[in-house]
Amino acid sequence: MIIKVLKLAIKKEKTIWSLERTVPFRGFRGMRAVIQRVTQASCKVDSQITGEISNGFLVLLGIEDADTQEDLEWLAQKIANMRVFGDENGLMNKSLADIDGNILLISQFTLFASTKKGNRPGFTRAARPDKAIPLYEEMKKQLGLLIGKKVACGIFGADMKISLLNDGPVTIVIDTKNKE
């Protein structure tokens, strides 16, 4: 999507609009992930385990309407190559591949909660299922290709019960529109 940035000028009670430049619209935030280093994690839906891992990452993934394939690929690379596992000197220098780690991927629209007004969060920035489900499935596929194994997951939109043993704790928040 392209937006036009306009310049407003006021001259002797006359409003004049002039085109300044055209820029790509990137949305307000971006795909968001909360990555937790875990020694174990699992997801249950209706008392049935849908995904379970040992050492690796529990990834909570929030998707908004402005997210793109480019956002997804950048985030998948970041997650797969994140070096937060201890080496022989106790330093965080190893990635998932180095420890033969796993990923449990959970969709979580509440990562886009707006708490600006009142006490009940709003979730209007979260992508609707018709946009979010294909991106969630693609993230699962991309992460699987990058780590060379199946990614465990929850069920999109279900009431999930997540259990985890956070290791460290190490928790990293990444937003694709704020690439720090």
C-alpha atoms as a PDB file:
ATOM      1  CA  MET A   1       0.000   0.000   0.000  1.00  0.00           C
ATOM      2  CA  ILE A   2       1.239   3.481  -0.841  1.00  0.00           C
ATOM      3  CA  ILE A   3       0.262   6.654   0.986  1.00  0.00           C
ATOM      4  CA  LYS A   4       0.811  10.220  -0.043  1.00  0.00           C
ATOM      5  CA  VAL A   5       2.339  12.558   2.500  1.00  0.00           C
ATOM      6  CA  LEU A   6       0.794  15.966   2.044  1.00  0.00           C
ATOM      7  CA  LYS A   7       1.969  19.353   3.165  1.00  0.00           C
ATOM      8  CA  LEU A   8      -0.606  21.813   4.406  1.00  0.00           C
ATOM      9  CA  ALA A   9       0.047  25.507   3.950  1.00  0.00           C
ATOM     10  CA  ILE A  10      -2.156  28.407   5.052  1.00  0.00           C
ATOM     11  CA  LYS A  11      -1.808  31.664   3.128  1.00  0.00           C
ATOM     12  CA  LYS A  12      -4.027  34.650   3.867  1.00  0.00           C
ATOM     13  CA  GLU A  13      -6.994  32.524   5.026  1.00  0.00           C
ATOM     14  CA  LYS A  14      -6.585  30.186   2.065  1.00  0.00           C
ATOM     15  CA  THR A  15      -5.701  26.498   2.552  1.00  0.00           C
ATOM     16  CA  ILE A  16      -3.324  25.107  -0.051  1.00  0.00           C
ATOM     17  CA  TRP A  17      -2.508  21.378  -0.325  1.00  0.00           C
ATOM     18  CA  SER A  18       0.628  20.321  -2.096  1.00  0.00           C
ATOM     19  CA  LEU A  19       2.078  16.872  -2.702  1.00  0.00           C
ATOM     20  CA  GLU A  20       5.378  16.482  -0.888  1.00  0.00           C
ATOM     21  CA  ARG A  21       6.276  12.813  -1.507  1.00  0.00           C
ATOM     22  CA  THR A  22       4.908   9.276  -1.820  1.00  0.00           C
ATOM     23  CA  VAL A  23       6.004   6.650   0.709  1.00  0.00           C
ATOM     24  CA  PRO A  24       5.066   3.015   1.408  1.00  0.00           C
ATOM     25  CA  PHE A  25       2.666   2.578   4.324  1.00  0.00           C
ATOM     26  CA  ARG A  26       4.120   0.116   6.813  1.00  0.00           C
ATOM     27  CA  GLY A  27       1.331   0.023   9.387  1.00  0.00           C
ATOM     28  CA  PHE A  28       1.535   1.139  12.937  1.00  0.00           C
ATOM     29  CA  ARG A  29       3.560  -1.626  14.564  1.00  0.00           C
ATOM     30  CA  GLY A  30       4.203  -5.016  13.067  1.00  0.00           C
ATOM     31  CA  MET A  31       4.222  -8.709  13.568  1.00  0.00           C
ATOM     32  CA  ARG A  32       5.089  -9.249  17.203  1.00  0.00           C
ATOM     33  CA  ALA A  33       6.694 -12.217  18.930  1.00  0.00           C
ATOM     34  CA  VAL A  34       7.391 -12.982  22.558  1.00  0.00           C
ATOM     35  CA  ILE A  35      10.161 -15.584  22.631  1.00  0.00           C
ATOM     36  CA  GLN A  36      10.749 -17.524  25.824  1.00  0.00           C
ATOM     37  CA  ARG A  37      13.680 -19.873  26.301  1.00  0.00           C
ATOM     38  CA  VAL A  38      12.253 -23.017  27.869  1.00  0.00           C
ATOM     39  CA  THR A  39      13.364 -26.430  29.048  1.00  0.00           C
ATOM     40  CA  GLN A  40       9.859 -27.696  28.340  1.00  0.00           C
ATOM     41  CA  ALA A  41       6.553 -26.330  27.066  1.00  0.00           C
ATOM     42  CA  SER A  42       3.213 -27.728  25.987  1.00  0.00           C
ATOM     43  CA  CYS A  43      -0.172 -26.638  24.697  1.00  0.00           C
ATOM     44  CA  LYS A  44      -3.493 -28.285  25.512  1.00  0.00           C
ATOM     45  CA  VAL A  45      -6.856 -27.715  23.878  1.00  0.00           C
ATOM     46  CA  ASP A  46      -9.847 -29.457  25.472  1.00  0.00           C
ATOM     47  CA  SER A  47      -7.437 -31.451  27.693  1.00  0.00           C
ATOM     48  CA  GLN A  48      -5.616 -32.828  24.621  1.00  0.00           C
ATOM     49  CA  ILE A  49      -1.954 -31.983  23.991  1.00  0.00           C
ATOM     50  CA  THR A  50      -1.642 -30.267  20.594  1.00  0.00           C
ATOM     51  CA  GLY A  51       2.063 -29.447  20.843  1.00  0.00           C
ATOM     52  CA  GLU A  52       4.900 -30.253  23.199  1.00  0.00           C
ATOM     53  CA  ILE A  53       8.651 -29.567  23.214  1.00  0.00           C
ATOM     54  CA  SER A  54      11.740 -30.005  25.336  1.00  0.00           C
ATOM     55  CA  ASN A  55      14.631 -27.472  25.135  1.00  0.00           C
ATOM     56  CA  GLY A  56      13.939 -24.567  22.818  1.00  0.00           C
ATOM     57  CA  PHE A  57      11.593 -21.632  22.358  1.00  0.00           C
ATOM     58  CA  LEU A  58       7.986 -21.018  23.219  1.00  0.00           C
ATOM     59  CA  VAL A  59       6.992 -18.351  20.677  1.00  0.00           C
ATOM     60  CA  LEU A  60       3.822 -16.321  21.193  1.00  0.00           C
ATOM     61  CA  LEU A  61       3.000 -14.728  17.818  1.00  0.00           C
ATOM     62  CA  GLY A  62       0.759 -11.714  17.231  1.00  0.00           C
ATOM     63  CA  ILE A  63      -0.216 -10.690  13.696  1.00  0.00           C
ATOM     64  CA  GLU A  64      -1.791  -7.418  12.541  1.00  0.00           C
ATOM     65  CA  ASP A  65      -3.385  -6.397   9.241  1.00  0.00           C
ATOM     66  CA  ALA A  66      -0.340  -4.461   8.003  1.00  0.00           C
ATOM     67  CA  ASP A  67       1.982  -7.491   8.265  1.00  0.00           C
ATOM     68  CA  THR A  68       3.631  -8.784   5.110  1.00  0.00           C
ATOM     69  CA  GLN A  69       5.579 -11.784   3.867  1.00  0.00           C
ATOM     70  CA  GLU A  70       8.711  -9.678   4.302  1.00  0.00           C
ATOM     71  CA  ASP A  71       7.884  -9.185   8.013  1.00  0.00           C
ATOM     72  CA  LEU A  72       7.307 -12.906   8.398  1.00  0.00           C
ATOM     73  CA  GLU A  73      10.586 -13.915   6.757  1.00  0.00           C
ATOM     74  CA  TRP A  74      12.613 -11.384   8.774  1.00  0.00           C
ATOM     75  CA  LEU A  75      11.036 -12.521  12.052  1.00  0.00           C
ATOM     76  CA  ALA A  76      11.433 -16.230  11.249  1.00  0.00           C
ATOM     77  CA  GLN A  77      15.157 -15.678  10.575  1.00  0.00           C
ATOM     78  CA  LYS A  78      15.533 -13.753  13.853  1.00  0.00           C
ATOM     79  CA  ILE A  79      13.820 -16.472  15.872  1.00  0.00           C
ATOM     80  CA  ALA A  80      15.685 -19.382  14.269  1.00  0.00           C
ATOM     81  CA  ASN A  81      19.087 -17.716  14.621  1.00  0.00           C
ATOM     82  CA  MET A  82      18.649 -16.065  18.039  1.00  0.00           C
ATOM     83  CA  ARG A  83      21.712 -16.926  20.141  1.00  0.00           C
ATOM     84  CA  VAL A  84      20.435 -17.111  23.722  1.00  0.00           C
ATOM     85  CA  PHE A  85      21.500 -20.606  24.757  1.00  0.00           C
ATOM     86  CA  GLY A  86      24.541 -21.102  26.953  1.00  0.00           C
ATOM     87  CA  ASP A  87      27.891 -22.222  25.548  1.00  0.00           C
ATOM     88  CA  GLU A  88      30.677 -24.048  27.414  1.00  0.00           C
ATOM     89  CA  ASN A  89      31.643 -20.761  29.111  1.00  0.00           C
ATOM     90  CA  GLY A  90      28.106 -19.996  30.240  1.00  0.00           C
ATOM     91  CA  LEU A  91      27.687 -17.201  27.672  1.00  0.00           C
ATOM     92  CA  MET A  92      24.561 -16.877  25.522  1.00  0.00           C
ATOM     93  CA  ASN A  93      26.219 -17.800  22.219  1.00  0.00           C
ATOM     94  CA  LYS A  94      24.257 -20.777  20.889  1.00  0.00           C
ATOM     95  CA  SER A  95      21.205 -20.863  18.635  1.00  0.00           C
ATOM     96  CA  LEU A  96      18.435 -23.454  18.328  1.00  0.00           C
ATOM     97  CA  ALA A  97      20.453 -25.322  15.684  1.00  0.00           C
ATOM     98  CA  ASP A  98      23.481 -25.488  17.999  1.00  0.00           C
ATOM     99  CA  ILE A  99      21.484 -27.204  20.763  1.00  0.00           C
ATOM    100  CA  ASP A 100      19.126 -29.197  18.492  1.00  0.00           C
ATOM    101  CA  GLY A 101      16.313 -27.113  19.974  1.00  0.00           C
ATOM    102  CA  ASN A 102      12.596 -27.054  19.258  1.00  0.00           C
ATOM    103  CA  ILE A 103       9.858 -24.469  18.821  1.00  0.00           C
ATOM    104  CA  LEU A 104       6.318 -24.375  20.191  1.00  0.00           C
ATOM    105  CA  LEU A 105       4.443 -21.712  18.188  1.00  0.00           C
ATOM    106  CA  ILE A 106       1.274 -20.210  19.683  1.00  0.00           C
ATOM    107  CA  SER A 107      -0.968 -17.622  17.991  1.00  0.00           C
ATOM    108  CA  GLN A 108      -1.799 -14.795  20.381  1.00  0.00           C
ATOM    109  CA  PHE A 109      -3.861 -11.848  19.162  1.00  0.00           C
ATOM    110  CA  THR A 110      -3.760 -10.332  22.671  1.00  0.00           C
ATOM    111  CA  LEU A 111      -0.203  -9.155  21.969  1.00  0.00           C
ATOM    112  CA  PHE A 112      -1.910  -6.261  20.168  1.00  0.00           C
ATOM    113  CA  ALA A 113      -4.072  -5.231  23.116  1.00  0.00           C
ATOM    114  CA  SER A 114      -4.777  -1.523  23.361  1.00  0.00           C
ATOM    115  CA  THR A 115      -5.099  -0.347  26.948  1.00  0.00           C
ATOM    116  CA  LYS A 116      -5.229   3.377  26.224  1.00  0.00           C
ATOM    117  CA  LYS A 117      -8.877   3.839  27.194  1.00  0.00           C
ATOM    118  CA  GLY A 118     -10.617   2.272  30.168  1.00  0.00           C
ATOM    119  CA  ASN A 119      -9.836  -1.061  31.775  1.00  0.00           C
ATOM    120  CA  ARG A 120     -11.055  -3.430  29.073  1.00  0.00           C
ATOM    121  CA  PRO A 121      -8.396  -3.964  26.387  1.00  0.00           C
ATOM    122  CA  GLY A 122      -9.309  -3.531  22.745  1.00  0.00           C
ATOM    123  CA  PHE A 123      -7.926  -5.815  20.046  1.00  0.00           C
ATOM    124  CA  THR A 124      -8.817  -3.954  16.859  1.00  0.00           C
ATOM    125  CA  ARG A 125      -5.184  -3.896  15.678  1.00  0.00           C
ATOM    126  CA  ALA A 126      -4.953  -7.685  15.637  1.00  0.00           C
ATOM    127  CA  ALA A 127      -5.490  -9.211  12.204  1.00  0.00           C
ATOM    128  CA  ARG A 128      -8.751 -10.988  11.525  1.00  0.00           C
ATOM    129  CA  PRO A 129      -8.509 -14.772  11.018  1.00  0.00           C
ATOM    130  CA  ASP A 130      -8.721 -14.566   7.201  1.00  0.00           C
ATOM    131  CA  LYS A 131      -5.446 -12.567   7.223  1.00  0.00           C
ATOM    132  CA  ALA A 132      -3.815 -14.056  10.336  1.00  0.00           C
ATOM    133  CA  ILE A 133      -4.277 -17.799   9.735  1.00  0.00           C
ATOM    134  CA  PRO A 134      -2.333 -17.930   6.435  1.00  0.00           C
ATOM    135  CA  LEU A 135       0.525 -15.895   7.968  1.00  0.00           C
ATOM    136  CA  TYR A 136       0.546 -18.106  11.083  1.00  0.00           C
ATOM    137  CA  GLU A 137       0.681 -21.258   8.924  1.00  0.00           C
ATOM    138  CA  GLU A 138       3.447 -19.736   6.793  1.00  0.00           C
ATOM    139  CA  MET A 139       5.428 -18.833   9.951  1.00  0.00           C
ATOM    140  CA  LYS A 140       5.123 -22.432  11.119  1.00  0.00           C
ATOM    141  CA  LYS A 141       6.388 -23.630   7.715  1.00  0.00           C
ATOM    142  CA  GLN A 142       9.277 -21.103   7.566  1.00  0.00           C
ATOM    143  CA  LEU A 143      10.460 -21.890  11.103  1.00  0.00           C
ATOM    144  CA  GLY A 144      10.321 -25.625  10.334  1.00  0.00           C
ATOM    145  CA  LEU A 145      12.484 -25.138   7.245  1.00  0.00           C
ATOM    146  CA  LEU A 146      14.964 -22.955   9.137  1.00  0.00           C
ATOM    147  CA  ILE A 147      15.432 -25.317  12.095  1.00  0.00           C
ATOM    148  CA  GLY A 148      15.115 -28.501  10.027  1.00  0.00           C
ATOM    149  CA  LYS A 149      12.318 -30.067  12.047  1.00  0.00           C
ATOM    150  CA  LYS A 150       8.595 -29.897  12.667  1.00  0.00           C
ATOM    151  CA  VAL A 151       7.358 -26.951  14.712  1.00  0.00           C
ATOM    152  CA  ALA A 152       4.938 -27.858  17.504  1.00  0.00           C
ATOM    153  CA  CYS A 153       1.907 -25.598  17.749  1.00  0.00           C
ATOM    154  CA  GLY A 154      -1.407 -24.796  19.303  1.00  0.00           C
ATOM    155  CA  ILE A 155      -4.706 -24.423  17.445  1.00  0.00           C
ATOM    156  CA  PHE A 156      -5.376 -20.994  16.003  1.00  0.00           C
ATOM    157  CA  GLY A 157      -8.241 -19.239  17.807  1.00  0.00           C
ATOM    158  CA  ALA A 158      -8.777 -22.016  20.350  1.00  0.00           C
ATOM    159  CA  ASP A 159      -8.851 -21.614  24.129  1.00  0.00           C
ATOM    160  CA  MET A 160      -5.375 -22.961  24.837  1.00  0.00           C
ATOM    161  CA  LYS A 161      -3.720 -23.914  28.115  1.00  0.00           C
ATOM    162  CA  ILE A 162       0.024 -23.305  27.871  1.00  0.00           C
ATOM    163  CA  SER A 163       2.468 -24.857  30.333  1.00  0.00           C
ATOM    164  CA  LEU A 164       6.135 -23.964  30.347  1.00  0.00           C
ATOM    165  CA  LEU A 165       9.289 -24.066  32.383  1.00  0.00           C
ATOM    166  CA  ASN A 166      11.061 -20.825  31.524  1.00  0.00           C
ATOM    167  CA  ASP A 167      14.833 -21.243  31.429  1.00  0.00           C
ATOM    168  CA  GLY A 168      16.801 -18.318  32.850  1.00  0.00           C
ATOM    169  CA  PRO A 169      14.331 -16.702  32.578  1.00  0.00           C
ATOM    170  CA  VAL A 170      15.098 -15.448  29.095  1.00  0.00           C
ATOM    171  CA  THR A 171      12.237 -13.605  27.397  1.00  0.00           C
ATOM    172  CA  ILE A 172      12.708 -11.514  24.241  1.00  0.00           C
ATOM    173  CA  VAL A 173      10.063  -9.325  22.572  1.00  0.00           C
ATOM    174  CA  ILE A 174      10.469  -8.578  18.856  1.00  0.00           C
ATOM    175  CA  ASP A 175       8.338  -6.264  16.729  1.00  0.00           C
ATOM    176  CA  THR A 176       9.026  -6.288  12.975  1.00  0.00           C
ATOM    177  CA  LYS A 177       8.369  -2.557  12.645  1.00  0.00           C
ATOM    178  CA  ASN A 178      10.912  -1.736  15.323  1.00  0.00           C
ATOM    179  CA  LYS A 179      13.984  -3.648  14.148  1.00  0.00           C
ATOM    180  CA  GLU A 180      16.431  -2.876  16.942  1.00  0.00           C
END
